[in-house]
Amino acid sequence: MIQKLEQEQCEYNKIKKSTNVLFNIILTILSLLSVVPFIFVIIISLTDEQALAMNGYRFIPEKWSLYAYQYIIDAGENIIRSYGVTILVTVLGTLIGLFLTGTYAYALSRKTYAFRSFFTKVITIPMLFSGGMIANYLVMTKVLMLKNTIWALILPLAMNSFNVIVLRTFFKTSIPDSVVESAKIDGASEWRLFFQIVIPMALPGLATIGLFLTLGYWNDWFNAMMYIDNQDWIPLQYLLIKIESSIDWLASNKAMMGVDGIQAAANMPKETIKMAIVVISTLPIIFAYPFFQRYFVNGLTIGAVKE
């Protein structure tokens, strides 16, 4: 009887071959729509500026050139240092953010926590109200004294109400109370319970929040504009924005700079450099996706309640 029910369930869940082919075609088209534009951006960044002006955008350029990347390297002498700052901020910020978000969300997910309701309201209020830019600036610079320090780039993004609520919901739905109670009966402390039992079972949720934090830190330039004047702590995104702004200003005011300005503006890769900036700023973060994807897959098979 059981075997018959399992066979009927298998037949019920089976996808027809024609439907499977249709799904594969749709997913292939969606994948191409996502990948092809970025490949096109890379091709444009490798196109000669004059060939691009004469022939427009093409998948196979008439003339290839690395001048846009060379121009960025020459114009931004601190680009390697900015890369290092961005990588350092991203790694440290993601680890600190995961620790703060994970501990806060786990405490809120436990029904036995006495102040759960109060701290839920505390984390919800910033989603509805904000002190404003001036208040944030005064707190960061006058109260915390973090201006021109790496912490000015890390702390503002470390805690996010949305991330806490998402991870709290994940803990509530994915961490069985029986596992927590069994660990406590065996004498596990709260820290040991959190690090050795909860975290391995919550890898998919933590990887998701980690990805959000990584993207946020890597793409952040606003905090650098607000709090960083020291050239040694300028991150990559803000440096690239400054380079592009300088190029736009030079192209718009070339007549004011005489013959030299006109000649310099003529030699600038105006369109290709924009695409090169996109590639430089996004290509490294693409390589982080397989790392998080591995933890998505592994985390799904870790942890279970034995019956």
Protein backbone atom coordinates (compact mmCIF):
# COMPACT_ATOMS: atom_id res chain seq x y z
CA MET A 1 0.00 0.00 0.00
CA ILE A 2 2.78 2.40 0.97
CA GLN A 3 4.70 1.53 -2.19
CA LYS A 4 1.61 2.24 -4.28
CA LEU A 5 1.10 5.63 -2.62
CA GLU A 6 4.76 6.53 -3.19
CA GLN A 7 4.44 5.51 -6.86
CA GLU A 8 1.28 7.62 -7.28
CA GLN A 9 3.00 10.58 -5.62
CA CYS A 10 6.01 10.17 -7.90
CA GLU A 11 3.76 10.14 -10.97
CA TYR A 12 1.89 13.18 -9.66
CA ASN A 13 5.11 15.17 -9.20
CA LYS A 14 6.63 14.09 -12.51
CA ILE A 15 7.07 16.84 -15.12
CA LYS A 16 6.18 16.07 -18.71
CA LYS A 17 9.05 16.06 -21.17
CA SER A 18 7.49 18.81 -23.29
CA THR A 19 6.94 20.99 -20.22
CA ASN A 20 10.53 20.39 -19.10
CA VAL A 21 11.83 21.48 -22.52
CA LEU A 22 9.68 24.61 -22.39
CA PHE A 23 10.97 25.50 -18.92
CA ASN A 24 14.56 24.99 -20.07
CA ILE A 25 14.02 27.30 -23.05
CA ILE A 26 12.45 30.01 -20.86
CA LEU A 27 15.23 29.80 -18.28
CA THR A 28 17.88 29.90 -21.02
CA ILE A 29 16.35 33.05 -22.48
CA LEU A 30 16.18 34.68 -19.04
CA SER A 31 19.81 33.74 -18.37
CA LEU A 32 20.91 35.28 -21.67
CA LEU A 33 18.95 38.44 -20.93
CA SER A 34 20.90 38.73 -17.69
CA VAL A 35 24.36 37.85 -18.98
CA VAL A 36 24.46 39.37 -22.48
CA PRO A 37 24.17 43.04 -21.35
CA PHE A 38 27.19 42.69 -19.06
CA ILE A 39 29.19 40.97 -21.81
CA PHE A 40 28.22 43.85 -24.10
CA VAL A 41 29.49 46.34 -21.50
CA ILE A 42 32.84 44.51 -21.38
CA ILE A 43 33.08 44.58 -25.18
CA ILE A 44 32.35 48.32 -25.30
CA SER A 45 35.00 48.97 -22.64
CA LEU A 46 37.52 47.19 -24.88
CA THR A 47 36.52 49.14 -28.00
CA ASP A 48 38.59 51.95 -29.46
CA GLU A 49 36.98 55.33 -28.70
CA GLN A 50 37.20 56.61 -32.29
CA ALA A 51 35.84 53.36 -33.72
CA LEU A 52 32.98 53.56 -31.24
CA ALA A 53 32.19 57.14 -32.27
CA MET A 54 32.19 56.24 -35.98
CA ASN A 55 30.43 52.85 -35.92
CA GLY A 56 28.41 52.92 -32.69
CA TYR A 57 27.97 49.98 -30.33
CA ARG A 58 28.86 46.58 -31.80
CA PHE A 59 29.35 43.09 -30.41
CA ILE A 60 32.40 42.74 -32.65
CA PRO A 61 34.24 46.08 -32.64
CA GLU A 62 36.18 47.28 -35.66
CA LYS A 63 39.16 48.02 -33.43
CA TRP A 64 39.98 46.74 -29.94
CA SER A 65 41.70 48.90 -27.35
CA LEU A 66 42.71 48.82 -23.67
CA TYR A 67 43.14 52.59 -23.55
CA ALA A 68 40.14 53.14 -21.26
CA TYR A 69 41.61 50.86 -18.58
CA GLN A 70 45.06 52.38 -19.04
CA TYR A 71 43.55 55.85 -18.67
CA ILE A 72 41.85 54.89 -15.41
CA ILE A 73 45.09 53.44 -14.02
CA ASP A 74 47.07 56.53 -15.05
CA ALA A 75 44.42 58.99 -13.84
CA GLY A 76 43.81 57.17 -10.56
CA GLU A 77 47.26 56.59 -9.13
CA ASN A 78 45.67 55.43 -5.88
CA ILE A 79 43.36 52.87 -7.48
CA ILE A 80 45.29 49.87 -6.10
CA ARG A 81 45.15 51.35 -2.61
CA SER A 82 41.43 52.07 -3.04
CA TYR A 83 40.91 48.44 -4.07
CA GLY A 84 42.64 47.36 -0.86
CA VAL A 85 40.50 49.72 1.24
CA THR A 86 37.30 48.43 -0.38
CA ILE A 87 38.29 44.78 0.11
CA LEU A 88 39.24 45.41 3.75
CA VAL A 89 36.01 47.30 4.45
CA THR A 90 33.91 44.64 2.70
CA VAL A 91 35.48 41.70 4.54
CA LEU A 92 35.51 43.31 7.99
CA GLY A 93 32.09 44.88 7.54
CA THR A 94 30.51 41.62 6.41
CA LEU A 95 31.96 39.66 9.34
CA ILE A 96 30.98 42.32 11.90
CA GLY A 97 27.55 42.74 10.34
CA LEU A 98 26.90 39.00 10.34
CA PHE A 99 27.92 38.72 14.01
CA LEU A 100 25.77 41.65 15.15
CA THR A 101 22.80 40.74 12.97
CA GLY A 102 23.00 37.03 13.81
CA THR A 103 23.19 37.45 17.59
CA TYR A 104 20.44 40.10 17.62
CA ALA A 105 18.13 38.08 15.36
CA TYR A 106 18.73 34.83 17.27
CA ALA A 107 17.84 36.48 20.59
CA LEU A 108 14.62 37.84 19.08
CA SER A 109 13.71 34.42 17.68
CA ARG A 110 13.74 32.70 21.09
CA LYS A 111 10.35 32.65 22.82
CA THR A 112 12.01 32.45 26.23
CA TYR A 113 13.81 35.78 25.83
CA ALA A 114 12.14 38.19 28.29
CA PHE A 115 12.86 41.42 26.37
CA ARG A 116 12.00 40.09 22.93
CA SER A 117 9.05 42.44 22.43
CA PHE A 118 11.01 45.53 23.51
CA PHE A 119 14.01 44.91 21.26
CA THR A 120 11.74 44.01 18.36
CA LYS A 121 10.25 47.49 18.64
CA VAL A 122 13.74 48.98 18.94
CA ILE A 123 14.87 47.41 15.65
CA THR A 124 11.60 48.29 13.92
CA ILE A 125 11.67 52.03 14.70
CA PRO A 126 14.64 52.82 12.34
CA MET A 127 12.63 51.31 9.46
CA LEU A 128 9.96 54.00 9.98
CA PHE A 129 11.88 57.01 11.29
CA SER A 130 15.33 58.46 10.73
CA GLY A 131 17.32 61.19 12.42
CA GLY A 132 18.31 62.62 9.06
CA MET A 133 21.63 63.26 7.36
CA ILE A 134 22.72 66.14 9.60
CA ALA A 135 22.07 64.17 12.79
CA ASN A 136 23.95 61.18 11.41
CA TYR A 137 26.90 63.36 10.45
CA LEU A 138 27.07 65.04 13.85
CA VAL A 139 26.89 61.72 15.69
CA MET A 140 29.61 60.16 13.51
CA THR A 141 31.99 63.13 13.59
CA LYS A 142 31.34 64.95 16.89
CA VAL A 143 30.11 62.22 19.22
CA LEU A 144 31.80 59.04 17.99
CA MET A 145 34.80 60.90 16.48
CA LEU A 146 34.99 58.51 13.52
CA LYS A 147 35.72 60.98 10.74
CA ASN A 148 38.59 59.85 8.48
CA THR A 149 38.69 56.38 10.03
CA ILE A 150 37.85 52.99 8.57
CA TRP A 151 35.02 52.60 11.10
CA ALA A 152 33.14 55.42 9.40
CA LEU A 153 32.88 53.12 6.38
CA ILE A 154 31.96 49.99 8.38
CA LEU A 155 29.66 50.84 11.27
CA PRO A 156 26.85 52.71 9.41
CA LEU A 157 26.08 49.63 7.31
CA ALA A 158 26.79 46.90 9.87
CA MET A 159 23.25 46.78 11.30
CA ASN A 160 20.13 46.89 9.19
CA SER A 161 16.58 46.44 10.46
CA PHE A 162 15.49 44.54 7.37
CA ASN A 163 18.36 42.05 7.69
CA VAL A 164 17.56 41.46 11.38
CA ILE A 165 13.89 40.79 10.69
CA VAL A 166 14.67 38.45 7.78
CA LEU A 167 17.19 36.46 9.82
CA ARG A 168 14.91 36.39 12.87
CA THR A 169 12.16 34.86 10.75
CA PHE A 170 14.64 32.33 9.36
CA PHE A 171 15.74 31.32 12.87
CA LYS A 172 12.13 30.96 14.03
CA THR A 173 11.15 28.73 11.10
CA SER A 174 14.35 26.73 10.60
CA ILE A 175 15.78 26.13 14.09
CA PRO A 176 13.54 23.64 15.93
CA ASP A 177 12.98 24.25 19.61
CA SER A 178 13.70 20.58 20.27
CA VAL A 179 17.29 21.03 19.05
CA VAL A 180 17.85 24.03 21.33
CA GLU A 181 16.28 22.28 24.32
CA SER A 182 18.35 19.12 23.71
CA ALA A 183 21.56 21.13 23.62
CA LYS A 184 20.68 22.92 26.84
CA ILE A 185 19.88 19.60 28.56
CA ASP A 186 23.33 18.38 27.51
CA GLY A 187 24.85 21.42 29.24
CA ALA A 188 25.67 23.61 26.26
CA SER A 189 26.07 27.30 27.01
CA GLU A 190 24.30 29.95 24.94
CA TRP A 191 27.48 30.84 23.03
CA ARG A 192 28.31 27.20 22.29
CA LEU A 193 24.72 26.58 21.27
CA PHE A 194 24.83 29.55 18.91
CA PHE A 195 28.19 28.88 17.28
CA GLN A 196 28.21 25.07 17.12
CA ILE A 197 24.54 24.27 16.50
CA VAL A 198 22.58 27.28 15.33
CA ILE A 199 25.09 28.68 12.82
CA PRO A 200 25.66 25.37 10.94
CA MET A 201 21.89 24.94 10.64
CA ALA A 202 21.37 28.56 9.57
CA LEU A 203 23.98 28.79 6.80
CA PRO A 204 21.44 29.54 4.02
CA GLY A 205 20.01 32.48 5.95
CA LEU A 206 23.43 33.74 7.03
CA ALA A 207 24.75 33.43 3.48
CA THR A 208 21.82 35.51 2.22
CA ILE A 209 22.46 38.27 4.76
CA GLY A 210 26.18 38.01 4.08
CA LEU A 211 25.53 38.57 0.39
CA PHE A 212 23.39 41.63 1.17
CA LEU A 213 26.15 43.03 3.38
CA THR A 214 28.89 42.30 0.85
CA LEU A 215 27.03 44.06 -1.95
CA GLY A 216 26.23 46.99 0.33
CA TYR A 217 29.83 47.51 1.43
CA TRP A 218 31.31 46.99 -2.03
CA ASN A 219 28.98 49.49 -3.72
CA ASP A 220 29.02 52.09 -0.94
CA TRP A 221 30.44 55.49 -1.82
CA PHE A 222 28.12 57.84 0.08
CA ASN A 223 29.72 57.26 3.48
CA ALA A 224 33.14 57.96 1.97
CA MET A 225 31.88 61.23 0.54
CA MET A 226 30.41 62.18 3.92
CA TYR A 227 33.13 61.13 6.36
CA ILE A 228 36.41 60.59 4.48
CA ASP A 229 38.80 63.40 3.52
CA ASN A 230 41.99 61.39 3.92
CA GLN A 231 43.10 60.04 0.54
CA ASP A 232 44.44 56.90 2.22
CA TRP A 233 40.91 55.72 3.13
CA ILE A 234 39.03 56.48 -0.10
CA PRO A 235 37.27 53.30 -1.33
CA LEU A 236 37.17 52.17 -4.94
CA GLN A 237 33.64 53.29 -5.79
CA TYR A 238 34.19 56.86 -4.58
CA LEU A 239 37.53 57.07 -6.40
CA LEU A 240 35.92 55.94 -9.67
CA ILE A 241 33.16 58.52 -9.22
CA LYS A 242 35.79 61.22 -8.73
CA ILE A 243 37.64 60.10 -11.88
CA GLU A 244 34.46 60.14 -13.95
CA SER A 245 33.48 63.56 -12.57
CA SER A 246 36.92 64.93 -13.46
CA ILE A 247 36.61 63.59 -17.00
CA ASP A 248 33.12 65.08 -17.43
CA TRP A 249 34.33 68.44 -16.13
CA LEU A 250 37.33 68.44 -18.47
CA ALA A 251 35.14 67.53 -21.45
CA SER A 252 32.66 70.31 -20.62
CA ASN A 253 35.26 73.00 -19.98
CA LYS A 254 37.92 72.17 -22.55
CA ALA A 255 37.61 75.59 -24.21
CA MET A 256 38.63 77.29 -20.96
CA MET A 257 41.91 75.37 -20.86
CA GLY A 258 43.23 76.44 -24.25
CA VAL A 259 44.93 74.23 -26.79
CA ASP A 260 46.22 71.76 -24.20
CA GLY A 261 42.74 71.32 -22.76
CA ILE A 262 41.21 70.73 -26.18
CA GLN A 263 43.90 68.19 -27.02
CA ALA A 264 43.47 66.38 -23.70
CA ALA A 265 39.69 66.27 -24.11
CA ALA A 266 40.07 64.89 -27.62
CA ASN A 267 42.25 62.03 -26.36
CA MET A 268 39.94 61.07 -23.49
CA PRO A 269 37.92 57.82 -23.80
CA LYS A 270 34.58 59.40 -22.90
CA GLU A 271 32.21 56.48 -23.57
CA THR A 272 34.52 53.51 -23.15
CA ILE A 273 35.79 54.73 -19.81
CA LYS A 274 32.26 54.67 -18.38
CA MET A 275 31.93 51.03 -19.37
CA ALA A 276 35.41 50.29 -18.01
CA ILE A 277 34.41 51.80 -14.68
CA VAL A 278 31.35 49.53 -14.60
CA VAL A 279 33.53 46.49 -15.27
CA ILE A 280 36.15 47.44 -12.68
CA SER A 281 33.56 48.08 -10.00
CA THR A 282 31.36 45.02 -10.62
CA LEU A 283 33.64 42.26 -11.90
CA PRO A 284 35.29 41.42 -8.55
CA ILE A 285 31.97 41.12 -6.74
CA ILE A 286 30.76 38.62 -9.35
CA PHE A 287 33.39 36.17 -8.14
CA ALA A 288 31.85 36.30 -4.65
CA TYR A 289 28.60 34.71 -5.86
CA PRO A 290 29.98 31.13 -6.22
CA PHE A 291 31.30 31.36 -2.64
CA PHE A 292 27.88 32.22 -1.26
CA GLN A 293 26.17 29.75 -3.58
CA ARG A 294 28.26 26.91 -2.17
CA TYR A 295 27.07 27.73 1.33
CA PHE A 296 23.47 27.97 0.11
CA VAL A 297 23.66 24.38 -1.16
CA ASN A 298 25.63 22.95 1.78
CA GLY A 299 23.50 24.69 4.36
CA LEU A 300 20.34 23.07 3.09
CA THR A 301 21.61 19.62 4.09
CA ILE A 302 23.04 20.51 7.50
CA GLY A 303 21.07 20.02 10.68
CA ALA A 304 17.90 18.03 11.31
CA VAL A 305 15.66 16.76 14.09
CA LYS A 306 15.98 13.01 14.55
CA GLU A 307 12.75 11.19 15.16
